């Protein structure tokens, strides 16, 4: 499935430098007891309406919608996230908010 043709406003596909920056930010926000800690995640899209970023798990090809907090959390509760088994599930989730 082609993510480029499916995403709609406010979602934008990321250029490589932006993706690297968001990957680094996610690592900064992780603590060891967070469920996403240590996963091989790569940012693929972000919302221009809020601090949500769509990450792809390169090991199992799941997707994670992560709400970045732009700070180091105290616990593994943040950043909050939702799991999508496939890209189509994420697209349907987004369409529910249009």
PDB file of N, CA and C in Angstrom:
ATOM      1  N   UNK A   1       0.848  -1.179   0.000  1.00  0.00           N
ATOM      2  CA  UNK A   1       0.000   0.000   0.000  1.00  0.00           C
ATOM      3  C   UNK A   1       0.890   1.237   0.000  1.00  0.00           C
ATOM      4  N   UNK A   2       0.536   2.209  -0.799  1.00  0.00           N
ATOM      5  CA  UNK A   2       1.333   3.414  -0.965  1.00  0.00           C
ATOM      6  C   UNK A   2       0.879   4.505  -0.008  1.00  0.00           C
ATOM      7  N   UNK A   3       1.681   4.762   1.013  1.00  0.00           N
ATOM      8  CA  UNK A   3       1.340   5.763   2.021  1.00  0.00           C
ATOM      9  C   UNK A   3       1.220   7.158   1.412  1.00  0.00           C
ATOM     10  N   UNK A   4       1.999   7.436   0.389  1.00  0.00           N
ATOM     11  CA  UNK A   4       2.008   8.762  -0.211  1.00  0.00           C
ATOM     12  C   UNK A   4       0.653   9.146  -0.787  1.00  0.00           C
ATOM     13  N   UNK A   5      -0.056   8.196  -1.346  1.00  0.00           N
ATOM     14  CA  UNK A   5      -1.338   8.506  -1.965  1.00  0.00           C
ATOM     15  C   UNK A   5      -2.501   8.443  -0.975  1.00  0.00           C
ATOM     16  N   UNK A   6      -2.279   7.895   0.212  1.00  0.00           N
ATOM     17  CA  UNK A   6      -3.368   7.689   1.152  1.00  0.00           C
ATOM     18  C   UNK A   6      -3.493   8.753   2.232  1.00  0.00           C
ATOM     19  N   UNK A   7      -2.406   9.361   2.618  1.00  0.00           N
ATOM     20  CA  UNK A   7      -2.457  10.346   3.699  1.00  0.00           C
ATOM     21  C   UNK A   7      -3.090  11.644   3.227  1.00  0.00           C
ATOM     22  N   UNK A   8      -3.892  12.208   4.088  1.00  0.00           N
ATOM     23  CA  UNK A   8      -4.562  13.468   3.786  1.00  0.00           C
ATOM     24  C   UNK A   8      -4.222  14.483   4.866  1.00  0.00           C
ATOM     25  N   UNK A   9      -4.472  15.757   4.587  1.00  0.00           N
ATOM     26  CA  UNK A   9      -4.258  16.812   5.580  1.00  0.00           C
ATOM     27  C   UNK A   9      -4.905  16.416   6.894  1.00  0.00           C
ATOM     28  N   UNK A  10      -4.247  16.654   7.978  1.00  0.00           N
ATOM     29  CA  UNK A  10      -3.032  17.433   8.207  1.00  0.00           C
ATOM     30  C   UNK A  10      -1.749  16.607   8.164  1.00  0.00           C
ATOM     31  N   UNK A  11      -1.812  15.366   7.657  1.00  0.00           N
ATOM     32  CA  UNK A  11      -0.647  14.482   7.649  1.00  0.00           C
ATOM     33  C   UNK A  11       0.261  14.757   6.456  1.00  0.00           C
ATOM     34  N   UNK A  12       1.567  14.759   6.724  1.00  0.00           N
ATOM     35  CA  UNK A  12       2.560  14.954   5.672  1.00  0.00           C
ATOM     36  C   UNK A  12       3.628  13.867   5.773  1.00  0.00           C
ATOM     37  N   UNK A  13       4.123  13.449   4.612  1.00  0.00           N
ATOM     38  CA  UNK A  13       5.221  12.493   4.540  1.00  0.00           C
ATOM     39  C   UNK A  13       6.506  13.243   4.912  1.00  0.00           C
ATOM     40  N   UNK A  14       7.408  12.567   5.585  1.00  0.00           N
ATOM     41  CA  UNK A  14       8.624  13.207   6.082  1.00  0.00           C
ATOM     42  C   UNK A  14       9.798  13.055   5.133  1.00  0.00           C
ATOM     43  N   UNK A  15      10.552  14.127   5.024  1.00  0.00           N
ATOM     44  CA  UNK A  15      11.846  14.041   4.343  1.00  0.00           C
ATOM     45  C   UNK A  15      12.828  13.379   5.305  1.00  0.00           C
ATOM     46  N   UNK A  16      13.912  12.860   4.770  1.00  0.00           N
ATOM     47  CA  UNK A  16      14.852  12.065   5.559  1.00  0.00           C
ATOM     48  C   UNK A  16      15.385  12.813   6.784  1.00  0.00           C
ATOM     49  N   UNK A  17      15.783  14.068   6.630  1.00  0.00           N
ATOM     50  CA  UNK A  17      16.341  14.826   7.765  1.00  0.00           C
ATOM     51  C   UNK A  17      15.309  15.018   8.866  1.00  0.00           C
ATOM     52  N   UNK A  18      14.080  15.319   8.484  1.00  0.00           N
ATOM     53  CA  UNK A  18      13.011  15.496   9.474  1.00  0.00           C
ATOM     54  C   UNK A  18      12.726  14.180  10.185  1.00  0.00           C
ATOM     55  N   UNK A  19      12.688  13.088   9.429  1.00  0.00           N
ATOM     56  CA  UNK A  19      12.460  11.776  10.023  1.00  0.00           C
ATOM     57  C   UNK A  19      13.554  11.438  11.030  1.00  0.00           C
ATOM     58  N   UNK A  20      14.801  11.705  10.685  1.00  0.00           N
ATOM     59  CA  UNK A  20      15.909  11.433  11.609  1.00  0.00           C
ATOM     60  C   UNK A  20      15.762  12.240  12.891  1.00  0.00           C
ATOM     61  N   UNK A  21      15.376  13.497  12.759  1.00  0.00           N
ATOM     62  CA  UNK A  21      15.171  14.342  13.940  1.00  0.00           C
ATOM     63  C   UNK A  21      14.055  13.818  14.832  1.00  0.00           C
ATOM     64  N   UNK A  22      12.960  13.365  14.223  1.00  0.00           N
ATOM     65  CA  UNK A  22      11.853  12.822  15.007  1.00  0.00           C
ATOM     66  C   UNK A  22      12.198  11.463  15.606  1.00  0.00           C
ATOM     67  N   UNK A  23      13.008  10.679  14.922  1.00  0.00           N
ATOM     68  CA  UNK A  23      13.498   9.420  15.491  1.00  0.00           C
ATOM     69  C   UNK A  23      14.333   9.702  16.741  1.00  0.00           C
ATOM     70  N   UNK A  24      15.192  10.693  16.653  1.00  0.00           N
ATOM     71  CA  UNK A  24      16.033  11.060  17.795  1.00  0.00           C
ATOM     72  C   UNK A  24      15.196  11.589  18.952  1.00  0.00           C
ATOM     73  N   UNK A  25      14.181  12.397  18.641  1.00  0.00           N
ATOM     74  CA  UNK A  25      13.312  12.927  19.696  1.00  0.00           C
ATOM     75  C   UNK A  25      12.604  11.785  20.417  1.00  0.00           C
ATOM     76  N   UNK A  26      12.109  10.811  19.670  1.00  0.00           N
ATOM     77  CA  UNK A  26      11.440   9.676  20.305  1.00  0.00           C
ATOM     78  C   UNK A  26      12.397   8.950  21.245  1.00  0.00           C
ATOM     79  N   UNK A  27      13.628   8.747  20.828  1.00  0.00           N
ATOM     80  CA  UNK A  27      14.614   8.079  21.695  1.00  0.00           C
ATOM     81  C   UNK A  27      14.856   8.876  22.967  1.00  0.00           C
ATOM     82  N   UNK A  28      14.876  10.204  22.861  1.00  0.00           N
ATOM     83  CA  UNK A  28      15.074  11.051  24.038  1.00  0.00           C
ATOM     84  C   UNK A  28      13.901  10.940  25.016  1.00  0.00           C
ATOM     85  N   UNK A  29      12.720  10.697  24.482  1.00  0.00           N
ATOM     86  CA  UNK A  29      11.521  10.639  25.320  1.00  0.00           C
ATOM     87  C   UNK A  29      11.271   9.261  25.934  1.00  0.00           C
ATOM     88  N   UNK A  30      12.038   8.270  25.537  1.00  0.00           N
ATOM     89  CA  UNK A  30      11.834   6.906  26.019  1.00  0.00           C
ATOM     90  C   UNK A  30      12.555   6.673  27.342  1.00  0.00           C
ATOM     91  N   UNK A  31      11.882   5.984  28.229  1.00  0.00           N
ATOM     92  CA  UNK A  31      12.516   5.435  29.426  1.00  0.00           C
ATOM     93  C   UNK A  31      12.433   3.919  29.293  1.00  0.00           C
ATOM     94  N   UNK A  32      13.232   3.206  30.041  1.00  0.00           N
ATOM     95  CA  UNK A  32      13.351   1.756  29.855  1.00  0.00           C
ATOM     96  C   UNK A  32      12.053   0.984  30.070  1.00  0.00           C
ATOM     97  N   UNK A  33      11.152   1.506  30.879  1.00  0.00           N
ATOM     98  CA  UNK A  33       9.915   0.753  31.106  1.00  0.00           C
ATOM     99  C   UNK A  33       8.792   1.141  30.136  1.00  0.00           C
ATOM    100  N   UNK A  34       9.089   1.960  29.131  1.00  0.00           N
ATOM    101  CA  UNK A  34       8.081   2.297  28.114  1.00  0.00           C
ATOM    102  C   UNK A  34       7.945   1.122  27.137  1.00  0.00           C
ATOM    103  N   UNK A  35       6.726   0.778  26.731  1.00  0.00           N
ATOM    104  CA  UNK A  35       6.527  -0.362  25.826  1.00  0.00           C
ATOM    105  C   UNK A  35       7.245  -0.245  24.474  1.00  0.00           C
ATOM    106  N   UNK A  36       7.546   0.960  24.026  1.00  0.00           N
ATOM    107  CA  UNK A  36       8.217   1.125  22.737  1.00  0.00           C
ATOM    108  C   UNK A  36       9.741   1.199  22.857  1.00  0.00           C
ATOM    109  N   UNK A  37      10.239   1.174  24.074  1.00  0.00           N
ATOM    110  CA  UNK A  37      11.676   1.300  24.300  1.00  0.00           C
ATOM    111  C   UNK A  37      12.436   0.197  23.559  1.00  0.00           C
ATOM    112  N   UNK A  38      13.418   0.585  22.774  1.00  0.00           N
ATOM    113  CA  UNK A  38      14.279  -0.357  22.075  1.00  0.00           C
ATOM    114  C   UNK A  38      13.728  -0.892  20.763  1.00  0.00           C
ATOM    115  N   UNK A  39      12.510  -0.522  20.397  1.00  0.00           N
ATOM    116  CA  UNK A  39      11.954  -0.983  19.120  1.00  0.00           C
ATOM    117  C   UNK A  39      12.619  -0.218  17.974  1.00  0.00           C
ATOM    118  N   UNK A  40      12.820  -0.864  16.829  1.00  0.00           N
ATOM    119  CA  UNK A  40      13.439  -0.193  15.671  1.00  0.00           C
ATOM    120  C   UNK A  40      12.406   0.635  14.906  1.00  0.00           C
ATOM    121  N   UNK A  41      12.076   1.808  15.446  1.00  0.00           N
ATOM    122  CA  UNK A  41      11.031   2.645  14.865  1.00  0.00           C
ATOM    123  C   UNK A  41      11.621   3.708  13.948  1.00  0.00           C
ATOM    124  N   UNK A  42      10.895   3.977  12.874  1.00  0.00           N
ATOM    125  CA  UNK A  42      11.306   4.985  11.912  1.00  0.00           C
ATOM    126  C   UNK A  42      10.110   5.886  11.612  1.00  0.00           C
ATOM    127  N   UNK A  43      10.270   7.198  11.786  1.00  0.00           N
ATOM    128  CA  UNK A  43       9.198   8.152  11.509  1.00  0.00           C
ATOM    129  C   UNK A  43       8.924   8.197  10.014  1.00  0.00           C
ATOM    130  N   UNK A  44       7.641   8.101   9.648  1.00  0.00           N
ATOM    131  CA  UNK A  44       7.277   8.146   8.235  1.00  0.00           C
ATOM    132  C   UNK A  44       6.359   9.307   7.894  1.00  0.00           C
ATOM    133  N   UNK A  45       5.594   9.801   8.888  1.00  0.00           N
ATOM    134  CA  UNK A  45       4.675  10.914   8.637  1.00  0.00           C
ATOM    135  C   UNK A  45       4.412  11.636   9.952  1.00  0.00           C
ATOM    136  N   UNK A  46       3.951  12.877   9.826  1.00  0.00           N
ATOM    137  CA  UNK A  46       3.582  13.630  11.031  1.00  0.00           C
ATOM    138  C   UNK A  46       2.351  14.470  10.741  1.00  0.00           C
ATOM    139  N   UNK A  47       1.670  14.799  11.801  1.00  0.00           N
ATOM    140  CA  UNK A  47       0.504  15.659  11.682  1.00  0.00           C
ATOM    141  C   UNK A  47       0.944  17.105  11.848  1.00  0.00           C
ATOM    142  N   UNK A  48       0.454  17.963  10.978  1.00  0.00           N
ATOM    143  CA  UNK A  48       0.745  19.387  11.121  1.00  0.00           C
ATOM    144  C   UNK A  48      -0.229  20.053  12.092  1.00  0.00           C
ATOM    145  N   UNK A  49      -1.198  19.285  12.604  1.00  0.00           N
ATOM    146  CA  UNK A  49      -2.195  19.830  13.510  1.00  0.00           C
ATOM    147  C   UNK A  49      -1.821  19.648  14.983  1.00  0.00           C
ATOM    148  N   UNK A  50      -0.895  18.709  15.256  1.00  0.00           N
ATOM    149  CA  UNK A  50      -0.518  18.434  16.646  1.00  0.00           C
ATOM    150  C   UNK A  50       0.847  17.755  16.654  1.00  0.00           C
ATOM    151  N   UNK A  51       1.230  17.208  17.786  1.00  0.00           N
ATOM    152  CA  UNK A  51       2.552  16.582  17.932  1.00  0.00           C
ATOM    153  C   UNK A  51       2.514  15.079  17.677  1.00  0.00           C
ATOM    154  N   UNK A  52       1.611  14.619  16.841  1.00  0.00           N
ATOM    155  CA  UNK A  52       1.511  13.202  16.513  1.00  0.00           C
ATOM    156  C   UNK A  52       2.443  12.848  15.362  1.00  0.00           C
ATOM    157  N   UNK A  53       3.111  11.719  15.517  1.00  0.00           N
ATOM    158  CA  UNK A  53       4.027  11.208  14.489  1.00  0.00           C
ATOM    159  C   UNK A  53       3.693   9.746  14.262  1.00  0.00           C
ATOM    160  N   UNK A  54       3.688   9.326  13.002  1.00  0.00           N
ATOM    161  CA  UNK A  54       3.479   7.933  12.651  1.00  0.00           C
ATOM    162  C   UNK A  54       4.842   7.288  12.461  1.00  0.00           C
ATOM    163  N   UNK A  55       5.090   6.252  13.262  1.00  0.00           N
ATOM    164  CA  UNK A  55       6.345   5.500  13.185  1.00  0.00           C
ATOM    165  C   UNK A  55       6.052   4.097  12.662  1.00  0.00           C
ATOM    166  N   UNK A  56       6.973   3.582  11.854  1.00  0.00           N
ATOM    167  CA  UNK A  56       6.881   2.207  11.385  1.00  0.00           C
ATOM    168  C   UNK A  56       7.901   1.369  12.148  1.00  0.00           C
ATOM    169  N   UNK A  57       7.451   0.238  12.654  1.00  0.00           N
ATOM    170  CA  UNK A  57       8.349  -0.716  13.307  1.00  0.00           C
ATOM    171  C   UNK A  57       8.993  -1.532  12.199  1.00  0.00           C
ATOM    172  N   UNK A  58      10.277  -1.370  12.002  1.00  0.00           N
ATOM    173  CA  UNK A  58      10.972  -2.001  10.889  1.00  0.00           C
ATOM    174  C   UNK A  58      11.141  -3.507  11.080  1.00  0.00           C
ATOM    175  N   UNK A  59      10.930  -4.010  12.273  1.00  0.00           N
ATOM    176  CA  UNK A  59      11.070  -5.444  12.524  1.00  0.00           C
ATOM    177  C   UNK A  59       9.788  -6.205  12.182  1.00  0.00           C
ATOM    178  N   UNK A  60       8.635  -5.631  12.545  1.00  0.00           N
ATOM    179  CA  UNK A  60       7.384  -6.371  12.337  1.00  0.00           C
ATOM    180  C   UNK A  60       6.403  -5.636  11.430  1.00  0.00           C
ATOM    181  N   UNK A  61       6.790  -4.476  10.920  1.00  0.00           N
ATOM    182  CA  UNK A  61       5.987  -3.688   9.984  1.00  0.00           C
ATOM    183  C   UNK A  61       4.648  -3.238  10.553  1.00  0.00           C
ATOM    184  N   UNK A  62       4.568  -3.098  11.873  1.00  0.00           N
ATOM    185  CA  UNK A  62       3.414  -2.454  12.500  1.00  0.00           C
ATOM    186  C   UNK A  62       3.659  -0.954  12.489  1.00  0.00           C
ATOM    187  N   UNK A  63       2.610  -0.210  12.765  1.00  0.00           N
ATOM    188  CA  UNK A  63       2.707   1.243  12.826  1.00  0.00           C
ATOM    189  C   UNK A  63       2.282   1.714  14.207  1.00  0.00           C
ATOM    190  N   UNK A  64       2.930   2.780  14.661  1.00  0.00           N
ATOM    191  CA  UNK A  64       2.635   3.362  15.963  1.00  0.00           C
ATOM    192  C   UNK A  64       2.377   4.851  15.786  1.00  0.00           C
ATOM    193  N   UNK A  65       1.225   5.288  16.253  1.00  0.00           N
ATOM    194  CA  UNK A  65       0.909   6.709  16.290  1.00  0.00           C
ATOM    195  C   UNK A  65       1.348   7.200  17.661  1.00  0.00           C
ATOM    196  N   UNK A  66       2.367   8.039  17.675  1.00  0.00           N
ATOM    197  CA  UNK A  66       2.976   8.493  18.931  1.00  0.00           C
ATOM    198  C   UNK A  66       2.734   9.983  19.101  1.00  0.00           C
ATOM    199  N   UNK A  67       2.266  10.358  20.285  1.00  0.00           N
ATOM    200  CA  UNK A  67       2.104  11.775  20.611  1.00  0.00           C
ATOM    201  C   UNK A  67       3.345  12.221  21.389  1.00  0.00           C
ATOM    202  N   UNK A  68       4.267  12.873  20.681  1.00  0.00           N
ATOM    203  CA  UNK A  68       5.504  13.337  21.321  1.00  0.00           C
ATOM    204  C   UNK A  68       5.195  14.405  22.359  1.00  0.00           C
ATOM    205  N   UNK A  69       5.969  14.409  23.437  1.00  0.00           N
ATOM    206  CA  UNK A  69       5.757  15.385  24.508  1.00  0.00           C
ATOM    207  C   UNK A  69       6.864  16.429  24.567  1.00  0.00           C
ATOM    208  N   UNK A  70       7.937  16.244  23.810  1.00  0.00           N
ATOM    209  CA  UNK A  70       9.062  17.182  23.734  1.00  0.00           C
ATOM    210  C   UNK A  70       9.668  17.444  25.101  1.00  0.00           C
ATOM    211  N   UNK A  71       9.744  16.373  25.912  1.00  0.00           N
ATOM    212  CA  UNK A  71      10.366  16.442  27.235  1.00  0.00           C
ATOM    213  C   UNK A  71      10.716  15.020  27.650  1.00  0.00           C
ATOM    214  N   UNK A  72      11.556  14.887  28.637  1.00  0.00           N
ATOM    215  CA  UNK A  72      11.904  13.567  29.184  1.00  0.00           C
ATOM    216  C   UNK A  72      10.837  13.202  30.213  1.00  0.00           C
ATOM    217  N   UNK A  73      10.124  12.106  30.013  1.00  0.00           N
ATOM    218  CA  UNK A  73       9.055  11.738  30.953  1.00  0.00           C
ATOM    219  C   UNK A  73       9.598  11.143  32.250  1.00  0.00           C
ATOM    220  N   UNK A  74       8.743  11.131  33.269  1.00  0.00           N
ATOM    221  CA  UNK A  74       9.102  10.545  34.561  1.00  0.00           C
ATOM    222  C   UNK A  74       8.892   9.040  34.582  1.00  0.00           C
ATOM    223  N   UNK A  75       7.995   8.558  33.717  1.00  0.00           N
ATOM    224  CA  UNK A  75       7.654   7.136  33.744  1.00  0.00           C
ATOM    225  C   UNK A  75       7.444   6.631  32.325  1.00  0.00           C
ATOM    226  N   UNK A  76       7.139   5.343  32.205  1.00  0.00           N
ATOM    227  CA  UNK A  76       6.878   4.742  30.913  1.00  0.00           C
ATOM    228  C   UNK A  76       5.480   4.991  30.387  1.00  0.00           C
ATOM    229  N   UNK A  77       4.739   5.885  31.034  1.00  0.00           N
ATOM    230  CA  UNK A  77       3.379   6.190  30.594  1.00  0.00           C
ATOM    231  C   UNK A  77       3.383   7.098  29.362  1.00  0.00           C
ATOM    232  N   UNK A  78       4.402   7.914  29.226  1.00  0.00           N
ATOM    233  CA  UNK A  78       4.489   8.855  28.099  1.00  0.00           C
ATOM    234  C   UNK A  78       5.762   8.599  27.307  1.00  0.00           C
ATOM    235  N   UNK A  79       5.784   8.857  26.029  1.00  0.00           N
ATOM    236  CA  UNK A  79       4.700   9.405  25.229  1.00  0.00           C
ATOM    237  C   UNK A  79       3.598   8.368  24.966  1.00  0.00           C
ATOM    238  N   UNK A  80       2.372   8.878  24.876  1.00  0.00           N
ATOM    239  CA  UNK A  80       1.220   8.013  24.597  1.00  0.00           C
ATOM    240  C   UNK A  80       1.292   7.536  23.150  1.00  0.00           C
ATOM    241  N   UNK A  81       0.704   6.359  22.890  1.00  0.00           N
ATOM    242  CA  UNK A  81       0.749   5.825  21.534  1.00  0.00           C
ATOM    243  C   UNK A  81      -0.420   4.894  21.280  1.00  0.00           C
ATOM    244  N   UNK A  82      -0.701   4.654  20.010  1.00  0.00           N
ATOM    245  CA  UNK A  82      -1.689   3.674  19.551  1.00  0.00           C
ATOM    246  C   UNK A  82      -0.976   2.763  18.557  1.00  0.00           C
ATOM    247  N   UNK A  83      -1.360   1.495  18.532  1.00  0.00           N
ATOM    248  CA  UNK A  83      -0.761   0.515  17.622  1.00  0.00           C
ATOM    249  C   UNK A  83      -1.726   0.243  16.470  1.00  0.00           C
ATOM    250  N   UNK A  84      -1.157   0.162  15.270  1.00  0.00           N
ATOM    251  CA  UNK A  84      -1.917  -0.210  14.079  1.00  0.00           C
ATOM    252  C   UNK A  84      -1.177  -1.363  13.405  1.00  0.00           C
ATOM    253  N   UNK A  85      -1.858  -2.481  13.250  1.00  0.00           N
ATOM    254  CA  UNK A  85      -1.241  -3.680  12.691  1.00  0.00           C
ATOM    255  C   UNK A  85      -0.851  -3.458  11.238  1.00  0.00           C
ATOM    256  N   UNK A  86      -1.640  -2.679  10.517  1.00  0.00           N
ATOM    257  CA  UNK A  86      -1.315  -2.382   9.123  1.00  0.00           C
ATOM    258  C   UNK A  86      -1.658  -0.934   8.812  1.00  0.00           C
ATOM    259  N   UNK A  87      -1.079  -0.446   7.757  1.00  0.00           N
ATOM    260  CA  UNK A  87      -1.264   0.950   7.370  1.00  0.00           C
ATOM    261  C   UNK A  87      -2.732   1.270   7.108  1.00  0.00           C
ATOM    262  N   UNK A  88      -3.466   0.345   6.538  1.00  0.00           N
ATOM    263  CA  UNK A  88      -4.885   0.565   6.257  1.00  0.00           C
ATOM    264  C   UNK A  88      -5.660   0.899   7.532  1.00  0.00           C
ATOM    265  N   UNK A  89      -5.285   0.277   8.642  1.00  0.00           N
ATOM    266  CA  UNK A  89      -5.947   0.541   9.919  1.00  0.00           C
ATOM    267  C   UNK A  89      -5.712   1.986  10.355  1.00  0.00           C
ATOM    268  N   UNK A  90      -4.493   2.465  10.172  1.00  0.00           N
ATOM    269  CA  UNK A  90      -4.183   3.854  10.511  1.00  0.00           C
ATOM    270  C   UNK A  90      -4.980   4.815   9.626  1.00  0.00           C
ATOM    271  N   UNK A  91      -5.058   4.537   8.330  1.00  0.00           N
ATOM    272  CA  UNK A  91      -5.793   5.395   7.402  1.00  0.00           C
ATOM    273  C   UNK A  91      -7.265   5.464   7.803  1.00  0.00           C
ATOM    274  N   UNK A  92      -7.852   4.327   8.138  1.00  0.00           N
ATOM    275  CA  UNK A  92      -9.253   4.315   8.575  1.00  0.00           C
ATOM    276  C   UNK A  92      -9.429   5.093   9.877  1.00  0.00           C
ATOM    277  N   UNK A  93      -8.481   4.981  10.782  1.00  0.00           N
ATOM    278  CA  UNK A  93      -8.516   5.733  12.034  1.00  0.00           C
ATOM    279  C   UNK A  93      -8.525   7.234  11.733  1.00  0.00           C
ATOM    280  N   UNK A  94      -7.676   7.678  10.831  1.00  0.00           N
ATOM    281  CA  UNK A  94      -7.604   9.093  10.470  1.00  0.00           C
ATOM    282  C   UNK A  94      -8.896   9.569   9.809  1.00  0.00           C
ATOM    283  N   UNK A  95      -9.474   8.746   8.958  1.00  0.00           N
ATOM    284  CA  UNK A  95     -10.701   9.128   8.280  1.00  0.00           C
ATOM    285  C   UNK A  95     -11.850   9.323   9.261  1.00  0.00           C
ATOM    286  N   UNK A  96     -11.805   8.656  10.393  1.00  0.00           N
ATOM    287  CA  UNK A  96     -12.819   8.829  11.422  1.00  0.00           C
ATOM    288  C   UNK A  96     -12.762  10.185  12.090  1.00  0.00           C
ATOM    289  N   UNK A  97     -11.639  10.905  11.917  1.00  0.00           N
ATOM    290  CA  UNK A  97     -11.476  12.221  12.560  1.00  0.00           C
ATOM    291  C   UNK A  97     -11.632  13.362  11.572  1.00  0.00           C
ATOM    292  N   UNK A  98     -11.937  13.078  10.306  1.00  0.00           N
ATOM    293  CA  UNK A  98     -12.084  14.146   9.302  1.00  0.00           C
ATOM    294  C   UNK A  98     -13.445  14.773   9.366  1.00  0.00           C
TER     295      UNK A  98
END
